[in-house]
N, C-alpha and C. Protein backbone atom coordinates (compact mmCIF):
# COMPACT_ATOMS: atom_id res chain seq x y z
N UNK A 1 66.92 127.91 54.16
CA UNK A 1 68.21 128.38 54.54
C UNK A 1 68.74 127.49 55.68
N UNK A 2 70.01 127.18 55.65
CA UNK A 2 70.64 126.35 56.67
C UNK A 2 71.12 127.25 57.80
N UNK A 3 70.77 126.86 59.02
CA UNK A 3 71.26 127.60 60.19
C UNK A 3 72.06 126.64 61.06
N UNK A 4 73.02 127.16 61.72
CA UNK A 4 73.88 126.35 62.58
C UNK A 4 73.65 126.75 64.03
N UNK A 5 73.65 125.73 64.87
CA UNK A 5 73.54 125.98 66.30
C UNK A 5 74.90 125.74 66.93
N UNK A 6 75.17 126.51 67.95
CA UNK A 6 76.42 126.28 68.66
C UNK A 6 76.32 124.96 69.40
N UNK A 7 77.40 124.26 69.45
CA UNK A 7 77.44 123.00 70.17
C UNK A 7 78.42 123.10 71.33
N UNK A 8 78.32 122.11 72.18
CA UNK A 8 79.19 122.11 73.35
C UNK A 8 80.61 121.78 72.90
N UNK A 9 81.56 122.46 73.47
CA UNK A 9 82.96 122.23 73.14
C UNK A 9 83.36 120.85 73.63
N UNK A 10 84.06 120.11 72.80
CA UNK A 10 84.52 118.77 73.17
C UNK A 10 85.43 118.89 74.38
N UNK A 11 85.16 118.08 75.37
CA UNK A 11 85.96 118.10 76.59
C UNK A 11 85.43 119.03 77.66
N UNK A 12 84.38 119.79 77.36
CA UNK A 12 83.80 120.68 78.36
C UNK A 12 83.00 119.85 79.36
N UNK A 13 82.93 120.31 80.58
CA UNK A 13 82.23 119.58 81.62
C UNK A 13 80.73 119.81 81.53
N UNK A 14 79.97 118.74 81.66
CA UNK A 14 78.51 118.84 81.68
C UNK A 14 78.00 119.12 83.08
N UNK A 15 78.75 118.67 84.06
CA UNK A 15 78.32 118.79 85.45
C UNK A 15 79.33 119.65 86.20
N UNK A 16 78.89 120.25 87.28
CA UNK A 16 79.83 121.05 88.07
C UNK A 16 80.89 120.15 88.71
N UNK A 17 82.02 120.71 88.98
CA UNK A 17 83.07 119.94 89.63
C UNK A 17 82.63 119.50 91.01
N UNK A 18 82.92 118.27 91.34
CA UNK A 18 82.59 117.73 92.66
C UNK A 18 83.74 118.09 93.60
N UNK A 19 83.44 118.63 94.75
CA UNK A 19 84.53 118.98 95.66
C UNK A 19 85.26 117.73 96.13
N UNK A 20 86.52 117.91 96.45
CA UNK A 20 87.29 116.79 96.96
C UNK A 20 86.64 116.25 98.23
N UNK A 21 86.83 114.98 98.45
CA UNK A 21 86.24 114.34 99.62
C UNK A 21 86.82 114.98 100.88
N UNK A 22 85.97 115.66 101.64
CA UNK A 22 86.47 116.35 102.81
C UNK A 22 86.19 115.60 104.11
N UNK A 23 85.89 114.30 103.98
CA UNK A 23 85.73 113.50 105.19
C UNK A 23 87.09 113.28 105.83
N UNK A 24 87.13 112.98 107.10
CA UNK A 24 88.41 112.71 107.76
C UNK A 24 89.13 111.52 107.10
N UNK A 25 90.44 111.55 107.17
CA UNK A 25 91.25 110.52 106.51
C UNK A 25 90.95 109.12 107.06
N UNK A 26 90.62 109.03 108.33
CA UNK A 26 90.34 107.72 108.92
C UNK A 26 89.09 107.11 108.28
N UNK A 27 88.07 107.90 108.04
CA UNK A 27 86.86 107.39 107.42
C UNK A 27 87.10 106.99 105.97
N UNK A 28 87.86 107.80 105.24
CA UNK A 28 88.16 107.46 103.85
C UNK A 28 89.00 106.18 103.76
N UNK A 29 89.94 106.03 104.69
CA UNK A 29 90.79 104.85 104.70
C UNK A 29 89.99 103.61 105.08
N UNK A 30 89.08 103.74 106.03
CA UNK A 30 88.22 102.62 106.42
C UNK A 30 87.34 102.19 105.25
N UNK A 31 86.79 103.14 104.52
CA UNK A 31 85.97 102.80 103.35
C UNK A 31 86.78 102.06 102.30
N UNK A 32 88.02 102.50 102.08
CA UNK A 32 88.88 101.83 101.10
C UNK A 32 89.21 100.42 101.57
N UNK A 33 89.43 100.24 102.86
CA UNK A 33 89.70 98.90 103.40
C UNK A 33 88.51 97.98 103.20
N UNK A 34 87.30 98.48 103.46
CA UNK A 34 86.10 97.68 103.26
C UNK A 34 85.94 97.32 101.78
N UNK A 35 86.17 98.27 100.92
CA UNK A 35 86.05 98.03 99.47
C UNK A 35 87.04 96.96 99.02
N UNK A 36 88.27 97.05 99.50
CA UNK A 36 89.28 96.06 99.12
C UNK A 36 88.89 94.67 99.64
N UNK A 37 88.43 94.63 100.89
CA UNK A 37 88.04 93.35 101.46
C UNK A 37 86.88 92.70 100.73
N UNK A 38 85.91 93.52 100.31
CA UNK A 38 84.77 92.99 99.57
C UNK A 38 85.16 92.49 98.19
N UNK A 39 86.27 93.00 97.66
CA UNK A 39 86.75 92.55 96.36
C UNK A 39 87.76 91.42 96.46
N UNK A 40 87.91 90.87 97.65
CA UNK A 40 88.78 89.72 97.84
C UNK A 40 90.26 90.05 97.91
N UNK A 41 90.59 91.28 98.19
CA UNK A 41 91.99 91.69 98.30
C UNK A 41 92.35 91.74 99.78
N UNK A 42 93.39 91.02 100.15
CA UNK A 42 93.84 91.05 101.54
C UNK A 42 94.35 92.45 101.87
N UNK A 43 93.85 93.00 102.94
CA UNK A 43 94.20 94.37 103.30
C UNK A 43 95.41 94.37 104.23
N UNK A 44 96.51 94.81 103.69
CA UNK A 44 97.74 95.02 104.46
C UNK A 44 98.20 96.44 104.18
N UNK A 45 99.20 96.88 104.92
CA UNK A 45 99.72 98.23 104.69
C UNK A 45 100.25 98.36 103.27
N UNK A 46 100.92 97.31 102.79
CA UNK A 46 101.46 97.35 101.43
C UNK A 46 100.37 97.37 100.38
N UNK A 47 99.35 96.52 100.55
CA UNK A 47 98.28 96.48 99.55
C UNK A 47 97.44 97.75 99.59
N UNK A 48 97.27 98.34 100.76
CA UNK A 48 96.52 99.59 100.87
C UNK A 48 97.27 100.72 100.17
N UNK A 49 98.57 100.76 100.33
CA UNK A 49 99.38 101.77 99.64
C UNK A 49 99.34 101.57 98.13
N UNK A 50 99.30 100.32 97.71
CA UNK A 50 99.29 100.00 96.28
C UNK A 50 97.95 100.33 95.62
N UNK A 51 96.84 100.12 96.33
CA UNK A 51 95.51 100.27 95.76
C UNK A 51 94.82 101.59 96.12
N UNK A 52 95.55 102.51 96.72
CA UNK A 52 94.93 103.78 97.11
C UNK A 52 95.93 104.91 96.92
N UNK A 53 95.51 106.09 97.26
CA UNK A 53 96.41 107.23 97.16
C UNK A 53 96.91 107.68 98.53
N UNK A 54 96.80 106.81 99.53
CA UNK A 54 97.32 107.12 100.86
C UNK A 54 98.82 106.87 100.88
N UNK A 55 99.55 107.74 101.54
CA UNK A 55 100.99 107.55 101.67
C UNK A 55 101.26 106.55 102.79
N UNK A 56 102.45 106.01 102.79
CA UNK A 56 102.81 105.06 103.84
C UNK A 56 102.81 105.73 105.21
N UNK A 57 103.16 107.00 105.26
CA UNK A 57 103.13 107.73 106.53
C UNK A 57 101.70 107.86 107.04
N UNK A 58 100.77 108.16 106.14
CA UNK A 58 99.35 108.26 106.54
C UNK A 58 98.83 106.91 107.00
N UNK A 59 99.22 105.86 106.30
CA UNK A 59 98.78 104.51 106.68
C UNK A 59 99.35 104.14 108.04
N UNK A 60 100.61 104.49 108.27
CA UNK A 60 101.22 104.20 109.57
C UNK A 60 100.57 104.96 110.70
N UNK A 61 100.19 106.20 110.42
CA UNK A 61 99.60 107.05 111.47
C UNK A 61 98.14 106.72 111.75
N UNK A 62 97.38 106.35 110.72
CA UNK A 62 95.93 106.19 110.89
C UNK A 62 95.42 104.78 110.58
N UNK A 63 96.31 103.89 110.19
CA UNK A 63 95.90 102.56 109.76
C UNK A 63 95.17 101.74 110.81
N UNK A 64 95.66 101.74 112.02
CA UNK A 64 95.03 100.91 113.05
C UNK A 64 93.64 101.44 113.42
N UNK A 65 93.51 102.75 113.49
CA UNK A 65 92.21 103.34 113.80
C UNK A 65 91.22 103.09 112.64
N UNK A 66 91.70 103.22 111.41
CA UNK A 66 90.85 102.96 110.25
C UNK A 66 90.46 101.49 110.18
N UNK A 67 91.38 100.62 110.54
CA UNK A 67 91.08 99.20 110.55
C UNK A 67 89.99 98.86 111.56
N UNK A 68 90.08 99.44 112.74
CA UNK A 68 89.05 99.22 113.76
C UNK A 68 87.69 99.73 113.28
N UNK A 69 87.68 100.89 112.64
CA UNK A 69 86.44 101.45 112.12
C UNK A 69 85.87 100.57 111.01
N UNK A 70 86.73 100.08 110.13
CA UNK A 70 86.28 99.21 109.04
C UNK A 70 85.69 97.92 109.60
N UNK A 71 86.32 97.36 110.61
CA UNK A 71 85.80 96.13 111.23
C UNK A 71 84.43 96.37 111.86
N UNK A 72 84.28 97.50 112.52
CA UNK A 72 82.99 97.78 113.16
C UNK A 72 81.90 98.01 112.12
N UNK A 73 82.25 98.57 110.99
CA UNK A 73 81.27 98.78 109.91
C UNK A 73 80.94 97.49 109.18
N UNK A 74 81.85 96.54 109.19
CA UNK A 74 81.65 95.29 108.45
C UNK A 74 80.76 94.31 109.19
N UNK A 75 80.59 94.48 110.48
CA UNK A 75 79.80 93.55 111.28
C UNK A 75 78.31 93.82 111.04
N UNK A 76 77.61 92.77 110.65
CA UNK A 76 76.17 92.92 110.42
C UNK A 76 75.41 92.56 111.69
N UNK A 77 74.28 93.16 111.86
CA UNK A 77 73.41 92.85 112.97
C UNK A 77 72.55 91.65 112.56
N UNK A 78 72.81 90.50 113.14
CA UNK A 78 72.11 89.26 112.77
C UNK A 78 70.64 89.31 113.14
N UNK A 79 70.25 90.21 114.05
CA UNK A 79 68.85 90.29 114.42
C UNK A 79 68.00 90.81 113.29
N UNK A 80 68.62 91.49 112.33
CA UNK A 80 67.87 92.07 111.21
C UNK A 80 67.66 91.08 110.07
N UNK A 81 68.36 89.95 110.10
CA UNK A 81 68.22 88.96 109.02
C UNK A 81 66.97 88.14 109.13
């Protein structure tokens, strides 16, 4: 006799939903700046707005602080090499 098993509905999630990134905006913006820089994209206010979901107001308010944070994260400690 043929028996059928229920299957997963197409489009159903296999994993639980991941919560939205709740880190501060400055940290998220700094990470995006580092990512863009590593991919050879010049990081400007215009390019950051184009390659991210940050608004121009957010970039204007937090851009300089995020830039400083990104620069500090990008510096390697040469003593470890």
